[in-house]
């Protein structure tokens, strides 16, 4: 897990930018995935989350997309609460195919709940946003970019 987390950190994928919203209630403490943050606990959390979503995504590849031979790339924003529950999932950039966009959101919903945040992370944040580009390859599989 440590080696995978460090590989993600060095590639710039899966890193976290922290945002504490000053003047907001305690429940608004939020971290966002970016290429600038170096919080190891959040990188490790992101890695475990990513692995789970990928596994569920490849098991639950959308049959309609497979039948139609659809391929597409989309970006999702996933917000996770400190207890591991899914707060929200939304399309940031559409694939251009409703079936793929809906399938990606459904895959994240199927993968939930996720692991609770590590104690040091939960002490700092109530919500973490994971933003990734995902690709459906005409029946070949679900992958991240």
N, C-alpha and C. Protein backbone atom coordinates (compact mmCIF):
# COMPACT_ATOMS: atom_id res chain seq x y z
N UNK A 1 0.83 -1.20 0.00
CA UNK A 1 0.00 0.00 0.00
C UNK A 1 0.86 1.25 0.00
N UNK A 2 1.94 1.22 0.77
CA UNK A 2 2.83 2.37 0.83
C UNK A 2 3.48 2.60 -0.53
N UNK A 3 3.97 1.53 -1.17
CA UNK A 3 4.62 1.68 -2.47
C UNK A 3 3.64 2.22 -3.50
N UNK A 4 2.40 1.71 -3.49
CA UNK A 4 1.38 2.19 -4.44
C UNK A 4 1.06 3.65 -4.18
N UNK A 5 0.95 4.03 -2.92
CA UNK A 5 0.65 5.41 -2.56
C UNK A 5 1.77 6.35 -3.01
N UNK A 6 3.01 5.92 -2.82
CA UNK A 6 4.13 6.75 -3.25
C UNK A 6 4.18 6.87 -4.76
N UNK A 7 3.83 5.79 -5.48
CA UNK A 7 3.79 5.84 -6.94
C UNK A 7 2.74 6.82 -7.41
N UNK A 8 1.58 6.80 -6.76
CA UNK A 8 0.51 7.73 -7.10
C UNK A 8 0.97 9.15 -6.81
N UNK A 9 1.62 9.34 -5.67
CA UNK A 9 2.09 10.68 -5.30
C UNK A 9 3.08 11.23 -6.30
N UNK A 10 3.99 10.38 -6.75
CA UNK A 10 5.01 10.87 -7.68
C UNK A 10 4.46 11.13 -9.06
N UNK A 11 3.36 10.46 -9.43
CA UNK A 11 2.79 10.68 -10.75
C UNK A 11 1.87 11.89 -10.80
N UNK A 12 1.47 12.39 -9.64
CA UNK A 12 0.57 13.54 -9.61
C UNK A 12 -0.88 13.12 -9.63
N UNK A 13 -1.17 11.84 -9.83
CA UNK A 13 -2.55 11.36 -9.82
C UNK A 13 -2.91 10.95 -8.41
N UNK A 14 -4.07 11.33 -7.96
CA UNK A 14 -4.52 10.89 -6.67
C UNK A 14 -3.98 11.69 -5.50
N UNK A 15 -3.48 12.86 -5.74
CA UNK A 15 -3.00 13.69 -4.65
C UNK A 15 -4.12 14.61 -4.19
N UNK A 16 -3.93 15.20 -3.05
CA UNK A 16 -5.01 15.92 -2.41
C UNK A 16 -4.63 17.36 -2.15
N UNK A 17 -5.54 18.25 -2.43
CA UNK A 17 -5.37 19.65 -2.03
C UNK A 17 -6.32 19.88 -0.89
N UNK A 18 -5.82 20.40 0.20
CA UNK A 18 -6.64 20.61 1.37
C UNK A 18 -7.26 21.99 1.33
N UNK A 19 -8.53 22.05 1.71
CA UNK A 19 -9.23 23.33 1.81
C UNK A 19 -10.01 23.33 3.11
N UNK A 20 -9.66 24.19 4.01
CA UNK A 20 -10.47 24.41 5.18
C UNK A 20 -11.24 25.68 4.90
N UNK A 21 -12.51 25.59 4.93
CA UNK A 21 -13.33 26.74 4.59
C UNK A 21 -13.51 27.60 5.82
N UNK A 22 -12.71 28.63 5.92
CA UNK A 22 -12.77 29.49 7.09
C UNK A 22 -14.12 30.15 7.21
N UNK A 23 -14.58 30.27 8.43
CA UNK A 23 -15.87 30.88 8.67
C UNK A 23 -17.03 29.90 8.48
N UNK A 24 -16.71 28.68 8.04
CA UNK A 24 -17.76 27.67 7.84
C UNK A 24 -17.89 26.82 9.10
N UNK A 25 -19.05 26.22 9.28
CA UNK A 25 -19.22 25.31 10.42
C UNK A 25 -18.24 24.14 10.33
N UNK A 26 -17.99 23.51 11.46
CA UNK A 26 -17.07 22.37 11.53
C UNK A 26 -17.40 21.32 10.47
N UNK A 27 -18.68 21.13 10.14
CA UNK A 27 -19.08 20.11 9.19
C UNK A 27 -18.69 20.44 7.76
N UNK A 28 -18.10 21.60 7.51
CA UNK A 28 -17.71 22.00 6.16
C UNK A 28 -16.22 21.83 5.90
N UNK A 29 -15.50 21.14 6.76
CA UNK A 29 -14.07 20.93 6.55
C UNK A 29 -13.91 19.91 5.42
N UNK A 30 -13.28 20.34 4.32
CA UNK A 30 -13.25 19.54 3.10
C UNK A 30 -11.86 19.48 2.51
N UNK A 31 -11.50 18.32 1.94
CA UNK A 31 -10.25 18.15 1.19
C UNK A 31 -10.62 17.76 -0.24
N UNK A 32 -9.85 18.27 -1.21
CA UNK A 32 -10.08 17.97 -2.62
C UNK A 32 -8.85 17.29 -3.22
N UNK A 33 -9.06 16.33 -4.09
CA UNK A 33 -7.97 15.65 -4.78
C UNK A 33 -7.39 16.59 -5.82
N UNK A 34 -6.08 16.85 -5.72
CA UNK A 34 -5.37 17.66 -6.72
C UNK A 34 -3.94 17.16 -6.81
N UNK A 35 -3.15 17.82 -7.62
CA UNK A 35 -1.74 17.45 -7.78
C UNK A 35 -0.82 18.19 -6.81
N UNK A 36 -1.37 19.01 -5.92
CA UNK A 36 -0.51 19.83 -5.05
C UNK A 36 -0.36 19.34 -3.63
N UNK A 37 -1.26 18.57 -3.12
CA UNK A 37 -1.24 18.20 -1.70
C UNK A 37 -0.43 16.93 -1.49
N UNK A 38 0.25 16.87 -0.37
CA UNK A 38 1.13 15.73 -0.07
C UNK A 38 0.75 15.03 1.24
N UNK A 39 -0.51 14.99 1.58
CA UNK A 39 -0.96 14.36 2.82
C UNK A 39 -0.96 12.84 2.63
N UNK A 40 0.02 12.16 3.26
CA UNK A 40 0.19 10.72 3.06
C UNK A 40 -1.05 9.92 3.46
N UNK A 41 -1.69 10.27 4.56
CA UNK A 41 -2.87 9.52 5.01
C UNK A 41 -3.99 9.60 3.97
N UNK A 42 -4.16 10.77 3.38
CA UNK A 42 -5.19 10.91 2.35
C UNK A 42 -4.79 10.22 1.05
N UNK A 43 -3.52 10.21 0.73
CA UNK A 43 -3.06 9.51 -0.47
C UNK A 43 -3.30 8.01 -0.31
N UNK A 44 -3.00 7.48 0.86
CA UNK A 44 -3.24 6.06 1.12
C UNK A 44 -4.74 5.75 1.07
N UNK A 45 -5.56 6.64 1.64
CA UNK A 45 -7.01 6.46 1.60
C UNK A 45 -7.49 6.46 0.15
N UNK A 46 -7.01 7.41 -0.63
CA UNK A 46 -7.37 7.52 -2.04
C UNK A 46 -7.01 6.24 -2.80
N UNK A 47 -5.86 5.69 -2.51
CA UNK A 47 -5.41 4.48 -3.18
C UNK A 47 -6.34 3.30 -2.89
N UNK A 48 -6.72 3.13 -1.63
CA UNK A 48 -7.64 2.04 -1.26
C UNK A 48 -9.01 2.26 -1.88
N UNK A 49 -9.49 3.52 -1.88
CA UNK A 49 -10.78 3.85 -2.50
C UNK A 49 -10.74 3.54 -3.98
N UNK A 50 -9.68 3.96 -4.65
CA UNK A 50 -9.50 3.76 -6.08
C UNK A 50 -9.54 2.27 -6.43
N UNK A 51 -8.80 1.46 -5.67
CA UNK A 51 -8.76 0.02 -5.93
C UNK A 51 -10.15 -0.60 -5.81
N UNK A 52 -10.91 -0.20 -4.81
CA UNK A 52 -12.25 -0.75 -4.62
C UNK A 52 -13.17 -0.36 -5.77
N UNK A 53 -13.15 0.90 -6.19
CA UNK A 53 -14.02 1.34 -7.28
C UNK A 53 -13.64 0.64 -8.58
N UNK A 54 -12.35 0.47 -8.84
CA UNK A 54 -11.91 -0.21 -10.06
C UNK A 54 -12.41 -1.66 -10.08
N UNK A 55 -12.30 -2.34 -8.97
CA UNK A 55 -12.73 -3.73 -8.89
C UNK A 55 -14.23 -3.84 -9.14
N UNK A 56 -15.01 -3.01 -8.48
CA UNK A 56 -16.47 -3.01 -8.66
C UNK A 56 -16.82 -2.61 -10.09
N UNK A 57 -16.10 -1.65 -10.66
CA UNK A 57 -16.36 -1.19 -12.02
C UNK A 57 -16.15 -2.26 -13.06
N UNK A 58 -15.12 -3.06 -12.90
CA UNK A 58 -14.86 -4.11 -13.88
C UNK A 58 -15.80 -5.29 -13.72
N UNK A 59 -16.29 -5.51 -12.52
CA UNK A 59 -17.29 -6.57 -12.30
C UNK A 59 -18.65 -6.14 -12.85
N UNK A 60 -18.94 -4.86 -12.78
CA UNK A 60 -20.27 -4.33 -13.14
C UNK A 60 -20.23 -3.48 -14.40
N UNK A 61 -19.43 -3.89 -15.37
CA UNK A 61 -19.36 -3.15 -16.64
C UNK A 61 -20.76 -3.12 -17.25
N UNK A 62 -21.22 -1.97 -17.73
CA UNK A 62 -22.60 -1.86 -18.23
C UNK A 62 -22.86 -2.72 -19.47
N UNK A 63 -23.80 -3.64 -19.36
CA UNK A 63 -24.12 -4.56 -20.46
C UNK A 63 -24.57 -3.82 -21.71
N UNK A 64 -25.36 -2.76 -21.54
CA UNK A 64 -25.83 -2.00 -22.70
C UNK A 64 -24.66 -1.37 -23.45
N UNK A 65 -23.68 -0.87 -22.74
CA UNK A 65 -22.48 -0.30 -23.37
C UNK A 65 -21.71 -1.38 -24.12
N UNK A 66 -21.63 -2.56 -23.53
CA UNK A 66 -20.93 -3.68 -24.17
C UNK A 66 -21.65 -4.07 -25.46
N UNK A 67 -22.98 -4.19 -25.40
CA UNK A 67 -23.77 -4.56 -26.59
C UNK A 67 -23.60 -3.55 -27.72
N UNK A 68 -23.58 -2.27 -27.35
CA UNK A 68 -23.48 -1.22 -28.36
C UNK A 68 -22.04 -0.89 -28.75
N UNK A 69 -21.07 -1.50 -28.07
CA UNK A 69 -19.66 -1.24 -28.36
C UNK A 69 -19.24 0.19 -28.04
N UNK A 70 -19.84 0.76 -27.00
CA UNK A 70 -19.55 2.15 -26.64
C UNK A 70 -18.24 2.28 -25.88
N UNK A 71 -17.52 3.34 -26.18
CA UNK A 71 -16.32 3.73 -25.44
C UNK A 71 -16.49 5.18 -25.05
N UNK A 72 -15.90 5.55 -23.95
CA UNK A 72 -15.97 6.95 -23.56
C UNK A 72 -15.15 7.24 -22.34
N UNK A 73 -14.87 8.51 -22.17
CA UNK A 73 -14.07 9.01 -21.05
C UNK A 73 -14.90 10.07 -20.35
N UNK A 74 -14.94 10.01 -19.02
CA UNK A 74 -15.70 10.98 -18.25
C UNK A 74 -14.99 11.28 -16.96
N UNK A 75 -15.36 12.40 -16.36
CA UNK A 75 -14.76 12.78 -15.07
C UNK A 75 -15.86 12.84 -14.03
N UNK A 76 -15.61 12.14 -12.92
CA UNK A 76 -16.54 12.12 -11.79
C UNK A 76 -15.92 12.85 -10.60
N UNK A 77 -16.77 13.50 -9.82
CA UNK A 77 -16.38 14.03 -8.52
C UNK A 77 -17.16 13.22 -7.49
N UNK A 78 -16.44 12.59 -6.58
CA UNK A 78 -17.05 11.76 -5.55
C UNK A 78 -16.72 12.37 -4.20
N UNK A 79 -17.74 12.67 -3.41
CA UNK A 79 -17.55 13.23 -2.07
C UNK A 79 -17.87 12.14 -1.05
N UNK A 80 -16.91 11.90 -0.15
CA UNK A 80 -17.04 10.85 0.86
C UNK A 80 -16.97 11.49 2.24
N UNK A 81 -17.90 11.07 3.11
CA UNK A 81 -17.91 11.55 4.50
C UNK A 81 -16.88 10.78 5.33
N UNK A 82 -16.53 11.33 6.47
CA UNK A 82 -15.52 10.73 7.35
C UNK A 82 -15.86 9.30 7.78
N UNK A 83 -17.15 8.98 7.86
CA UNK A 83 -17.54 7.62 8.25
C UNK A 83 -17.49 6.65 7.07
N UNK A 84 -17.10 7.13 5.88
CA UNK A 84 -17.00 6.29 4.69
C UNK A 84 -18.25 6.28 3.82
N UNK A 85 -19.30 6.95 4.28
CA UNK A 85 -20.54 6.98 3.49
C UNK A 85 -20.39 7.94 2.32
N UNK A 86 -21.12 7.66 1.27
CA UNK A 86 -21.08 8.47 0.06
C UNK A 86 -21.95 9.70 0.26
N UNK A 87 -21.36 10.87 0.15
CA UNK A 87 -22.12 12.12 0.26
C UNK A 87 -22.74 12.47 -1.08
N UNK A 88 -21.92 12.40 -2.15
CA UNK A 88 -22.44 12.72 -3.48
C UNK A 88 -21.51 12.17 -4.54
N UNK A 89 -22.07 11.99 -5.73
CA UNK A 89 -21.28 11.65 -6.91
C UNK A 89 -21.89 12.44 -8.06
N UNK A 90 -21.03 13.12 -8.81
CA UNK A 90 -21.53 13.94 -9.91
C UNK A 90 -20.58 13.89 -11.10
N UNK A 91 -21.14 14.13 -12.26
CA UNK A 91 -20.37 14.17 -13.50
C UNK A 91 -19.77 15.56 -13.65
N UNK A 92 -18.45 15.63 -13.74
CA UNK A 92 -17.77 16.90 -14.00
C UNK A 92 -17.64 17.13 -15.51
N UNK A 93 -17.34 16.06 -16.25
CA UNK A 93 -17.25 16.09 -17.70
C UNK A 93 -17.88 14.81 -18.23
N UNK A 94 -18.88 14.94 -19.07
CA UNK A 94 -19.62 13.81 -19.60
C UNK A 94 -18.82 13.06 -20.67
N UNK A 95 -19.13 11.79 -20.80
CA UNK A 95 -18.55 10.96 -21.86
C UNK A 95 -19.25 11.22 -23.19
N UNK A 96 -20.43 11.84 -23.12
CA UNK A 96 -21.24 12.03 -24.31
C UNK A 96 -22.28 10.93 -24.47
N UNK A 97 -22.22 9.92 -23.60
CA UNK A 97 -23.16 8.81 -23.63
C UNK A 97 -23.81 8.69 -22.26
N UNK A 98 -25.12 8.90 -22.19
CA UNK A 98 -25.83 8.80 -20.91
C UNK A 98 -25.60 7.45 -20.25
N UNK A 99 -25.59 6.38 -21.02
CA UNK A 99 -25.43 5.05 -20.45
C UNK A 99 -24.08 4.92 -19.73
N UNK A 100 -23.03 5.51 -20.26
CA UNK A 100 -21.72 5.44 -19.61
C UNK A 100 -21.66 6.34 -18.38
N UNK A 101 -22.21 7.55 -18.51
CA UNK A 101 -22.22 8.47 -17.37
C UNK A 101 -22.99 7.87 -16.20
N UNK A 102 -24.17 7.34 -16.49
CA UNK A 102 -24.99 6.74 -15.43
C UNK A 102 -24.33 5.50 -14.85
N UNK A 103 -23.69 4.70 -15.70
CA UNK A 103 -23.00 3.49 -15.21
C UNK A 103 -21.86 3.85 -14.28
N UNK A 104 -21.10 4.88 -14.60
CA UNK A 104 -19.99 5.29 -13.74
C UNK A 104 -20.49 5.72 -12.37
N UNK A 105 -21.56 6.51 -12.35
CA UNK A 105 -22.12 6.93 -11.06
C UNK A 105 -22.66 5.72 -10.30
N UNK A 106 -23.29 4.79 -11.01
CA UNK A 106 -23.83 3.59 -10.37
C UNK A 106 -22.71 2.73 -9.78
N UNK A 107 -21.60 2.63 -10.49
CA UNK A 107 -20.46 1.85 -9.99
C UNK A 107 -19.96 2.42 -8.66
N UNK A 108 -19.85 3.73 -8.56
CA UNK A 108 -19.41 4.34 -7.30
C UNK A 108 -20.43 4.06 -6.20
N UNK A 109 -21.72 4.15 -6.53
CA UNK A 109 -22.76 3.87 -5.54
C UNK A 109 -22.70 2.41 -5.09
N UNK A 110 -22.43 1.49 -6.02
CA UNK A 110 -22.30 0.07 -5.65
C UNK A 110 -21.10 -0.17 -4.74
N UNK A 111 -20.02 0.58 -4.96
CA UNK A 111 -18.80 0.40 -4.18
C UNK A 111 -18.94 0.94 -2.75
N UNK A 112 -19.86 1.87 -2.55
CA UNK A 112 -20.08 2.46 -1.22
C UNK A 112 -20.76 1.44 -0.31
N UNK A 113 -20.56 1.53 0.98
CA UNK A 113 -19.76 2.52 1.69
C UNK A 113 -18.27 2.18 1.58
N UNK A 114 -17.48 3.17 1.85
CA UNK A 114 -16.04 3.03 1.81
C UNK A 114 -15.51 2.97 3.24
N UNK A 115 -14.23 2.73 3.38
CA UNK A 115 -13.63 2.69 4.71
C UNK A 115 -13.75 4.06 5.38
N UNK A 116 -13.95 4.08 6.69
CA UNK A 116 -13.92 5.38 7.39
C UNK A 116 -12.54 6.00 7.24
N UNK A 117 -12.47 7.32 7.36
CA UNK A 117 -11.18 8.01 7.30
C UNK A 117 -10.32 7.54 8.47
N UNK A 118 -9.00 7.52 8.27
CA UNK A 118 -8.11 7.26 9.42
C UNK A 118 -8.36 8.34 10.48
N UNK A 119 -8.13 8.04 11.76
CA UNK A 119 -8.43 9.01 12.83
C UNK A 119 -7.83 10.40 12.62
N UNK A 120 -6.57 10.47 12.17
CA UNK A 120 -5.95 11.78 11.98
C UNK A 120 -6.61 12.56 10.84
N UNK A 121 -7.12 11.86 9.86
CA UNK A 121 -7.81 12.50 8.74
C UNK A 121 -9.20 12.95 9.18
N UNK A 122 -9.89 12.09 9.91
CA UNK A 122 -11.23 12.44 10.41
C UNK A 122 -11.19 13.62 11.36
N UNK A 123 -10.07 13.79 12.06
CA UNK A 123 -9.93 14.93 12.97
C UNK A 123 -9.81 16.24 12.19
N UNK A 124 -9.37 16.17 10.94
CA UNK A 124 -9.16 17.38 10.13
C UNK A 124 -10.27 17.65 9.12
N UNK A 125 -10.90 16.57 8.61
CA UNK A 125 -11.86 16.73 7.52
C UNK A 125 -13.14 15.96 7.77
N UNK A 126 -14.23 16.55 7.32
CA UNK A 126 -15.53 15.88 7.35
C UNK A 126 -15.86 15.24 6.02
N UNK A 127 -15.30 15.81 4.94
CA UNK A 127 -15.58 15.33 3.58
C UNK A 127 -14.31 15.40 2.76
N UNK A 128 -14.09 14.37 1.94
CA UNK A 128 -12.99 14.36 0.99
C UNK A 128 -13.59 14.13 -0.40
N UNK A 129 -13.17 14.96 -1.36
CA UNK A 129 -13.61 14.82 -2.75
C UNK A 129 -12.54 14.10 -3.54
N UNK A 130 -12.95 13.04 -4.23
CA UNK A 130 -12.08 12.29 -5.13
C UNK A 130 -12.54 12.61 -6.55
N UNK A 131 -11.68 13.18 -7.35
CA UNK A 131 -12.03 13.49 -8.74
C UNK A 131 -11.10 12.72 -9.66
N UNK A 132 -11.70 11.91 -10.54
CA UNK A 132 -10.93 11.09 -11.46
C UNK A 132 -11.54 11.08 -12.84
N UNK A 133 -10.67 10.86 -13.83
CA UNK A 133 -11.12 10.56 -15.18
C UNK A 133 -11.26 9.04 -15.27
N UNK A 134 -12.37 8.58 -15.82
CA UNK A 134 -12.65 7.15 -15.97
C UNK A 134 -12.88 6.86 -17.44
N UNK A 135 -12.55 5.66 -17.85
CA UNK A 135 -12.71 5.27 -19.24
C UNK A 135 -13.41 3.92 -19.33
N UNK A 136 -14.40 3.87 -20.21
CA UNK A 136 -15.05 2.62 -20.59
C UNK A 136 -14.51 2.28 -21.97
N UNK A 137 -13.93 1.08 -22.10
CA UNK A 137 -13.32 0.67 -23.37
C UNK A 137 -14.15 -0.40 -24.04
N UNK A 138 -15.08 0.01 -24.86
CA UNK A 138 -16.00 -0.84 -25.66
C UNK A 138 -16.03 -2.32 -25.26
N UNK A 139 -16.40 -2.53 -24.02
CA UNK A 139 -16.56 -3.89 -23.50
C UNK A 139 -15.30 -4.47 -22.90
N UNK A 140 -14.16 -3.83 -23.10
CA UNK A 140 -12.90 -4.39 -22.60
C UNK A 140 -12.71 -4.14 -21.11
N UNK A 141 -13.29 -3.09 -20.58
CA UNK A 141 -13.13 -2.83 -19.16
C UNK A 141 -13.32 -1.38 -18.78
N UNK A 142 -13.25 -1.17 -17.48
CA UNK A 142 -13.42 0.12 -16.84
C UNK A 142 -12.05 0.47 -16.28
N UNK A 143 -11.54 1.66 -16.57
CA UNK A 143 -10.22 2.03 -16.09
C UNK A 143 -10.18 3.50 -15.73
N UNK A 144 -9.14 3.89 -15.03
CA UNK A 144 -8.94 5.28 -14.65
C UNK A 144 -7.79 5.84 -15.42
N UNK A 145 -7.83 7.15 -15.61
CA UNK A 145 -6.74 7.84 -16.32
C UNK A 145 -6.19 8.93 -15.45
